[in-house]
Amino acid sequence: LKLRHLSNTSDIRQGDLLLSSGLGGRFPAGY
């Protein structure tokens, strides 16, 4: 997968786990 439109200065690191945020109402949050 890839992240779209994430700023170069964003605080993100290798090994970070990403979860569904729940925004938009399509997917429940926290998965």
PDB file of all heavy atoms in Angstrom:
ATOM      1  N   LEU A   1       0.868  -1.169   0.000  1.00  0.00           N
ATOM      2  CA  LEU A   1       0.000   0.000   0.000  1.00  0.00           C
ATOM      3  C   LEU A   1       0.909   1.224   0.000  1.00  0.00           C
ATOM      4  O   LEU A   1       2.106   1.113   0.301  1.00  0.00           O
ATOM      5  CB  LEU A   1      -0.898   0.031   1.247  1.00  0.00           C
ATOM      6  CG  LEU A   1      -1.900  -1.101   1.444  1.00  0.00           C
ATOM      7  CD1 LEU A   1      -2.471  -1.059   2.856  1.00  0.00           C
ATOM      8  CD2 LEU A   1      -3.024  -1.001   0.423  1.00  0.00           C
ATOM      9  N   LYS A   2       0.357   2.372  -0.308  1.00  0.00           N
ATOM     10  CA  LYS A   2       1.147   3.604  -0.228  1.00  0.00           C
ATOM     11  C   LYS A   2       0.305   4.704   0.403  1.00  0.00           C
ATOM     12  O   LYS A   2      -0.934   4.687   0.338  1.00  0.00           O
ATOM     13  CB  LYS A   2       1.627   4.036  -1.609  1.00  0.00           C
ATOM     14  CG  LYS A   2       0.522   4.398  -2.579  1.00  0.00           C
ATOM     15  CD  LYS A   2       1.095   4.806  -3.943  1.00  0.00           C
ATOM     16  CE  LYS A   2      -0.027   5.176  -4.918  1.00  0.00           C
ATOM     17  NZ  LYS A   2       0.494   5.562  -6.244  1.00  0.00           N
ATOM     18  N   LEU A   3       0.987   5.664   1.021  1.00  0.00           N
ATOM     19  CA  LEU A   3       0.304   6.803   1.604  1.00  0.00           C
ATOM     20  C   LEU A   3       0.326   7.957   0.616  1.00  0.00           C
ATOM     21  O   LEU A   3       1.353   8.258   0.001  1.00  0.00           O
ATOM     22  CB  LEU A   3       0.973   7.223   2.913  1.00  0.00           C
ATOM     23  CG  LEU A   3       0.934   6.193   4.052  1.00  0.00           C
ATOM     24  CD1 LEU A   3       1.524   6.793   5.323  1.00  0.00           C
ATOM     25  CD2 LEU A   3      -0.496   5.719   4.313  1.00  0.00           C
ATOM     26  N   ARG A   4      -0.815   8.604   0.485  1.00  0.00           N
ATOM     27  CA  ARG A   4      -0.948   9.684  -0.491  1.00  0.00           C
ATOM     28  C   ARG A   4      -0.864  11.044   0.203  1.00  0.00           C
ATOM     29  O   ARG A   4      -1.423  11.253   1.279  1.00  0.00           O
ATOM     30  CB  ARG A   4      -2.283   9.552  -1.219  1.00  0.00           C
ATOM     31  CG  ARG A   4      -2.522  10.608  -2.275  1.00  0.00           C
ATOM     32  CD  ARG A   4      -3.767  10.310  -3.083  1.00  0.00           C
ATOM     33  NE  ARG A   4      -4.972  10.276  -2.255  1.00  0.00           N
ATOM     34  CZ  ARG A   4      -6.185  10.041  -2.745  1.00  0.00           C
ATOM     35  NH1 ARG A   4      -6.329   9.767  -4.035  1.00  0.00           N
ATOM     36  NH2 ARG A   4      -7.233  10.040  -1.946  1.00  0.00           N
ATOM     37  N   HIS A   5      -0.157  11.965  -0.433  1.00  0.00           N
ATOM     38  CA  HIS A   5      -0.102  13.367  -0.017  1.00  0.00           C
ATOM     39  C   HIS A   5       0.332  13.522   1.447  1.00  0.00           C
ATOM     40  O   HIS A   5      -0.293  14.247   2.217  1.00  0.00           O
ATOM     41  CB  HIS A   5      -1.449  14.058  -0.229  1.00  0.00           C
ATOM     42  CG  HIS A   5      -1.886  14.034  -1.663  1.00  0.00           C
ATOM     43  ND1 HIS A   5      -3.210  14.146  -2.040  1.00  0.00           N
ATOM     44  CD2 HIS A   5      -1.193  13.888  -2.817  1.00  0.00           C
ATOM     45  CE1 HIS A   5      -3.297  14.083  -3.368  1.00  0.00           C
ATOM     46  NE2 HIS A   5      -2.073  13.943  -3.859  1.00  0.00           N
ATOM     47  N   LEU A   6       1.381  12.815   1.813  1.00  0.00           N
ATOM     48  CA  LEU A   6       1.925  12.937   3.158  1.00  0.00           C
ATOM     49  C   LEU A   6       3.155  13.841   3.104  1.00  0.00           C
ATOM     50  O   LEU A   6       4.112  13.575   2.375  1.00  0.00           O
ATOM     51  CB  LEU A   6       2.302  11.561   3.715  1.00  0.00           C
ATOM     52  CG  LEU A   6       2.631  11.508   5.198  1.00  0.00           C
ATOM     53  CD1 LEU A   6       1.395  11.820   6.032  1.00  0.00           C
ATOM     54  CD2 LEU A   6       3.188  10.137   5.574  1.00  0.00           C
ATOM     55  N   SER A   7       3.121  14.888   3.874  1.00  0.00           N
ATOM     56  CA  SER A   7       4.187  15.890   3.836  1.00  0.00           C
ATOM     57  C   SER A   7       5.545  15.286   4.156  1.00  0.00           C
ATOM     58  O   SER A   7       5.659  14.345   4.957  1.00  0.00           O
ATOM     59  CB  SER A   7       3.879  17.009   4.835  1.00  0.00           C
ATOM     60  OG  SER A   7       4.986  17.870   4.968  1.00  0.00           O
ATOM     61  N   ASN A   8       6.600  15.859   3.539  1.00  0.00           N
ATOM     62  CA  ASN A   8       7.968  15.402   3.778  1.00  0.00           C
ATOM     63  C   ASN A   8       8.369  15.533   5.234  1.00  0.00           C
ATOM     64  O   ASN A   8       9.228  14.803   5.724  1.00  0.00           O
ATOM     65  CB  ASN A   8       8.949  16.211   2.913  1.00  0.00           C
ATOM     66  CG  ASN A   8       9.446  15.393   1.728  1.00  0.00           C
ATOM     67  OD1 ASN A   8       9.469  14.169   1.773  1.00  0.00           O
ATOM     68  ND2 ASN A   8       9.833  16.072   0.663  1.00  0.00           N
ATOM     69  N   THR A   9       7.759  16.482   5.924  1.00  0.00           N
ATOM     70  CA  THR A   9       8.122  16.739   7.322  1.00  0.00           C
ATOM     71  C   THR A   9       7.246  15.966   8.311  1.00  0.00           C
ATOM     72  O   THR A   9       7.364  16.161   9.523  1.00  0.00           O
ATOM     73  CB  THR A   9       8.005  18.243   7.613  1.00  0.00           C
ATOM     74  OG1 THR A   9       6.658  18.675   7.363  1.00  0.00           O
ATOM     75  CG2 THR A   9       8.972  19.046   6.731  1.00  0.00           C
ATOM     76  N   SER A  10       6.377  15.135   7.827  1.00  0.00           N
ATOM     77  CA  SER A  10       5.469  14.387   8.706  1.00  0.00           C
ATOM     78  C   SER A  10       6.240  13.445   9.629  1.00  0.00           C
ATOM     79  O   SER A  10       7.258  12.864   9.249  1.00  0.00           O
ATOM     80  CB  SER A  10       4.478  13.570   7.878  1.00  0.00           C
ATOM     81  OG  SER A  10       3.676  14.426   7.089  1.00  0.00           O
ATOM     82  N   ASP A  11       5.736  13.299  10.832  1.00  0.00           N
ATOM     83  CA  ASP A  11       6.356  12.425  11.832  1.00  0.00           C
ATOM     84  C   ASP A  11       5.889  10.980  11.614  1.00  0.00           C
ATOM     85  O   ASP A  11       4.918  10.522  12.223  1.00  0.00           O
ATOM     86  CB  ASP A  11       5.993  12.896  13.247  1.00  0.00           C
ATOM     87  CG  ASP A  11       6.612  12.011  14.319  1.00  0.00           C
ATOM     88  OD1 ASP A  11       7.531  11.233  13.991  1.00  0.00           O
ATOM     89  OD2 ASP A  11       6.160  12.085  15.480  1.00  0.00           O
ATOM     90  N   ILE A  12       6.560  10.300  10.709  1.00  0.00           N
ATOM     91  CA  ILE A  12       6.234   8.902  10.441  1.00  0.00           C
ATOM     92  C   ILE A  12       7.534   8.121  10.324  1.00  0.00           C
ATOM     93  O   ILE A  12       8.526   8.632   9.801  1.00  0.00           O
ATOM     94  CB  ILE A  12       5.385   8.751   9.165  1.00  0.00           C
ATOM     95  CG1 ILE A  12       4.839   7.311   9.043  1.00  0.00           C
ATOM     96  CG2 ILE A  12       6.163   9.158   7.918  1.00  0.00           C
ATOM     97  CD1 ILE A  12       3.723   7.166   8.039  1.00  0.00           C
ATOM     98  N   ARG A  13       7.550   6.909  10.856  1.00  0.00           N
ATOM     99  CA  ARG A  13       8.777   6.121  10.919  1.00  0.00           C
ATOM    100  C   ARG A  13       8.538   4.717  10.371  1.00  0.00           C
ATOM    101  O   ARG A  13       7.408   4.224  10.358  1.00  0.00           O
ATOM    102  CB  ARG A  13       9.261   6.002  12.374  1.00  0.00           C
ATOM    103  CG  ARG A  13       9.433   7.313  13.107  1.00  0.00           C
ATOM    104  CD  ARG A  13       9.696   7.046  14.576  1.00  0.00           C
ATOM    105  NE  ARG A  13       9.698   8.282  15.352  1.00  0.00           N
ATOM    106  CZ  ARG A  13       9.714   8.309  16.689  1.00  0.00           C
ATOM    107  NH1 ARG A  13       9.734   7.159  17.377  1.00  0.00           N
ATOM    108  NH2 ARG A  13       9.723   9.475  17.327  1.00  0.00           N
ATOM    109  N   GLN A  14       9.630   4.101   9.975  1.00  0.00           N
ATOM    110  CA  GLN A  14       9.552   2.707   9.559  1.00  0.00           C
ATOM    111  C   GLN A  14       9.148   1.859  10.758  1.00  0.00           C
ATOM    112  O   GLN A  14       9.685   2.012  11.850  1.00  0.00           O
ATOM    113  CB  GLN A  14      10.905   2.246   9.010  1.00  0.00           C
ATOM    114  CG  GLN A  14      10.848   0.874   8.337  1.00  0.00           C
ATOM    115  CD  GLN A  14      12.101   0.601   7.534  1.00  0.00           C
ATOM    116  OE1 GLN A  14      12.783   1.524   7.101  1.00  0.00           O
ATOM    117  NE2 GLN A  14      12.401  -0.664   7.324  1.00  0.00           N
ATOM    118  N   GLY A  15       8.189   0.971  10.565  1.00  0.00           N
ATOM    119  CA  GLY A  15       7.686   0.133  11.654  1.00  0.00           C
ATOM    120  C   GLY A  15       6.404   0.650  12.268  1.00  0.00           C
ATOM    121  O   GLY A  15       5.750  -0.063  13.048  1.00  0.00           O
ATOM    122  N   ASP A  16       6.011   1.893  11.935  1.00  0.00           N
ATOM    123  CA  ASP A  16       4.753   2.431  12.461  1.00  0.00           C
ATOM    124  C   ASP A  16       3.569   1.592  11.954  1.00  0.00           C
ATOM    125  O   ASP A  16       3.523   1.176  10.795  1.00  0.00           O
ATOM    126  CB  ASP A  16       4.554   3.878  12.006  1.00  0.00           C
ATOM    127  CG  ASP A  16       5.247   4.877  12.926  1.00  0.00           C
ATOM    128  OD1 ASP A  16       5.578   4.498  14.058  1.00  0.00           O
ATOM    129  OD2 ASP A  16       5.457   6.034  12.495  1.00  0.00           O
ATOM    130  N   LEU A  17       2.605   1.389  12.854  1.00  0.00           N
ATOM    131  CA  LEU A  17       1.381   0.670  12.500  1.00  0.00           C
ATOM    132  C   LEU A  17       0.287   1.677  12.206  1.00  0.00           C
ATOM    133  O   LEU A  17       0.065   2.605  12.990  1.00  0.00           O
ATOM    134  CB  LEU A  17       0.947  -0.251  13.643  1.00  0.00           C
ATOM    135  CG  LEU A  17      -0.360  -1.025  13.435  1.00  0.00           C
ATOM    136  CD1 LEU A  17      -0.230  -1.992  12.265  1.00  0.00           C
ATOM    137  CD2 LEU A  17      -0.745  -1.774  14.716  1.00  0.00           C
ATOM    138  N   LEU A  18      -0.402   1.498  11.085  1.00  0.00           N
ATOM    139  CA  LEU A  18      -1.501   2.377  10.724  1.00  0.00           C
ATOM    140  C   LEU A  18      -2.824   1.653  10.871  1.00  0.00           C
ATOM    141  O   LEU A  18      -2.956   0.486  10.476  1.00  0.00           O
ATOM    142  CB  LEU A  18      -1.337   2.892   9.287  1.00  0.00           C
ATOM    143  CG  LEU A  18      -0.320   4.032   9.165  1.00  0.00           C
ATOM    144  CD1 LEU A  18       1.083   3.483   8.967  1.00  0.00           C
ATOM    145  CD2 LEU A  18      -0.691   4.980   8.036  1.00  0.00           C
ATOM    146  N   LEU A  19      -3.796   2.353  11.444  1.00  0.00           N
ATOM    147  CA  LEU A  19      -5.122   1.814  11.684  1.00  0.00           C
ATOM    148  C   LEU A  19      -6.143   2.574  10.850  1.00  0.00           C
ATOM    149  O   LEU A  19      -5.898   3.709  10.425  1.00  0.00           O
ATOM    150  CB  LEU A  19      -5.493   1.939  13.165  1.00  0.00           C
ATOM    151  CG  LEU A  19      -4.478   1.452  14.199  1.00  0.00           C
ATOM    152  CD1 LEU A  19      -4.996   1.751  15.606  1.00  0.00           C
ATOM    153  CD2 LEU A  19      -4.204  -0.027  14.035  1.00  0.00           C
ATOM    154  N   SER A  20      -7.296   1.949  10.652  1.00  0.00           N
ATOM    155  CA  SER A  20      -8.393   2.677  10.002  1.00  0.00           C
ATOM    156  C   SER A  20      -8.842   3.791  10.944  1.00  0.00           C
ATOM    157  O   SER A  20      -8.998   3.579  12.149  1.00  0.00           O
ATOM    158  CB  SER A  20      -9.552   1.727   9.688  1.00  0.00           C
ATOM    159  OG  SER A  20      -9.975   1.048  10.858  1.00  0.00           O
ATOM    160  N   SER A  21      -9.041   4.987  10.398  1.00  0.00           N
ATOM    161  CA  SER A  21      -9.372   6.140  11.249  1.00  0.00           C
ATOM    162  C   SER A  21     -10.868   6.293  11.476  1.00  0.00           C
ATOM    163  O   SER A  21     -11.290   6.972  12.418  1.00  0.00           O
ATOM    164  CB  SER A  21      -8.820   7.422  10.616  1.00  0.00           C
ATOM    165  OG  SER A  21      -9.502   7.707   9.401  1.00  0.00           O
ATOM    166  N   GLY A  22     -11.678   5.698  10.604  1.00  0.00           N
ATOM    167  CA  GLY A  22     -13.126   5.834  10.742  1.00  0.00           C
ATOM    168  C   GLY A  22     -13.687   7.047  10.038  1.00  0.00           C
ATOM    169  O   GLY A  22     -14.916   7.203   9.950  1.00  0.00           O
ATOM    170  N   LEU A  23     -12.818   7.923   9.517  1.00  0.00           N
ATOM    171  CA  LEU A  23     -13.297   9.109   8.810  1.00  0.00           C
ATOM    172  C   LEU A  23     -13.974   8.678   7.503  1.00  0.00           C
ATOM    173  O   LEU A  23     -13.520   7.769   6.818  1.00  0.00           O
ATOM    174  CB  LEU A  23     -12.140  10.057   8.513  1.00  0.00           C
ATOM    175  CG  LEU A  23     -11.424  10.645   9.733  1.00  0.00           C
ATOM    176  CD1 LEU A  23     -10.281  11.544   9.290  1.00  0.00           C
ATOM    177  CD2 LEU A  23     -12.416  11.425  10.608  1.00  0.00           C
ATOM    178  N   GLY A  24     -15.039   9.366   7.169  1.00  0.00           N
ATOM    179  CA  GLY A  24     -15.770   9.033   5.950  1.00  0.00           C
ATOM    180  C   GLY A  24     -16.872   8.031   6.190  1.00  0.00           C
ATOM    181  O   GLY A  24     -17.769   7.878   5.351  1.00  0.00           O
ATOM    182  N   GLY A  25     -16.820   7.321   7.311  1.00  0.00           N
ATOM    183  CA  GLY A  25     -17.899   6.410   7.679  1.00  0.00           C
ATOM    184  C   GLY A  25     -17.931   5.097   6.932  1.00  0.00           C
ATOM    185  O   GLY A  25     -18.804   4.259   7.180  1.00  0.00           O
ATOM    186  N   ARG A  26     -16.983   4.868   6.022  1.00  0.00           N
ATOM    187  CA  ARG A  26     -17.016   3.620   5.261  1.00  0.00           C
ATOM    188  C   ARG A  26     -16.446   2.464   6.073  1.00  0.00           C
ATOM    189  O   ARG A  26     -16.980   1.360   6.080  1.00  0.00           O
ATOM    190  CB  ARG A  26     -16.255   3.790   3.944  1.00  0.00           C
ATOM    191  CG  ARG A  26     -16.222   2.539   3.054  1.00  0.00           C
ATOM    192  CD  ARG A  26     -17.621   2.019   2.748  1.00  0.00           C
ATOM    193  NE  ARG A  26     -18.427   2.968   2.030  1.00  0.00           N
ATOM    194  CZ  ARG A  26     -18.540   3.009   0.719  1.00  0.00           C
ATOM    195  NH1 ARG A  26     -17.888   2.154  -0.031  1.00  0.00           N
ATOM    196  NH2 ARG A  26     -19.332   3.893   0.137  1.00  0.00           N
ATOM    197  N   PHE A  27     -15.320   2.691   6.763  1.00  0.00           N
ATOM    198  CA  PHE A  27     -14.696   1.661   7.587  1.00  0.00           C
ATOM    199  C   PHE A  27     -14.763   2.070   9.051  1.00  0.00           C
ATOM    200  O   PHE A  27     -14.533   3.234   9.375  1.00  0.00           O
ATOM    201  CB  PHE A  27     -13.236   1.454   7.194  1.00  0.00           C
ATOM    202  CG  PHE A  27     -13.041   0.837   5.839  1.00  0.00           C
ATOM    203  CD1 PHE A  27     -12.804   1.635   4.729  1.00  0.00           C
ATOM    204  CD2 PHE A  27     -13.119  -0.537   5.672  1.00  0.00           C
ATOM    205  CE1 PHE A  27     -12.630   1.076   3.477  1.00  0.00           C
ATOM    206  CE2 PHE A  27     -12.946  -1.115   4.426  1.00  0.00           C
ATOM    207  CZ  PHE A  27     -12.711  -0.307   3.323  1.00  0.00           C
ATOM    208  N   PRO A  28     -15.037   1.115   9.949  1.00  0.00           N
ATOM    209  CA  PRO A  28     -14.992   1.438  11.379  1.00  0.00           C
ATOM    210  C   PRO A  28     -13.564   1.752  11.807  1.00  0.00           C
ATOM    211  O   PRO A  28     -12.605   1.300  11.191  1.00  0.00           O
ATOM    212  CB  PRO A  28     -15.511   0.162  12.043  1.00  0.00           C
ATOM    213  CG  PRO A  28     -15.280  -0.918  11.044  1.00  0.00           C
ATOM    214  CD  PRO A  28     -15.398  -0.294   9.697  1.00  0.00           C
ATOM    215  N   ALA A  29     -13.418   2.535  12.855  1.00  0.00           N
ATOM    216  CA  ALA A  29     -12.097   2.967  13.319  1.00  0.00           C
ATOM    217  C   ALA A  29     -11.404   1.876  14.129  1.00  0.00           C
ATOM    218  O   ALA A  29     -12.052   1.041  14.770  1.00  0.00           O
ATOM    219  CB  ALA A  29     -12.236   4.227  14.162  1.00  0.00           C
ATOM    220  N   GLY A  30     -10.069   1.908  14.081  1.00  0.00           N
ATOM    221  CA  GLY A  30      -9.273   1.091  14.983  1.00  0.00           C
ATOM    222  C   GLY A  30      -8.804  -0.242  14.465  1.00  0.00           C
ATOM    223  O   GLY A  30      -8.175  -1.004  15.217  1.00  0.00           O
ATOM    224  N   TYR A  31      -9.027  -0.561  13.187  1.00  0.00           N
ATOM    225  CA  TYR A  31      -8.594  -1.856  12.659  1.00  0.00           C
ATOM    226  C   TYR A  31      -7.234  -1.729  11.968  1.00  0.00           C
ATOM    227  O   TYR A  31      -7.008  -0.784  11.193  1.00  0.00           O
ATOM    228  CB  TYR A  31      -9.638  -2.415  11.689  1.00  0.00           C
ATOM    229  CG  TYR A  31     -10.885  -2.868  12.397  1.00  0.00           C
ATOM    230  CD1 TYR A  31     -11.981  -2.010  12.521  1.00  0.00           C
ATOM    231  CD2 TYR A  31     -10.956  -4.129  12.984  1.00  0.00           C
ATOM    232  CE1 TYR A  31     -13.120  -2.411  13.202  1.00  0.00           C
ATOM    233  CE2 TYR A  31     -12.095  -4.537  13.661  1.00  0.00           C
ATOM    234  CZ  TYR A  31     -13.169  -3.678  13.768  1.00  0.00           C
ATOM    235  OH  TYR A  31     -14.292  -4.071  14.458  1.00  0.00           O
TER     236      TYR A  31
END
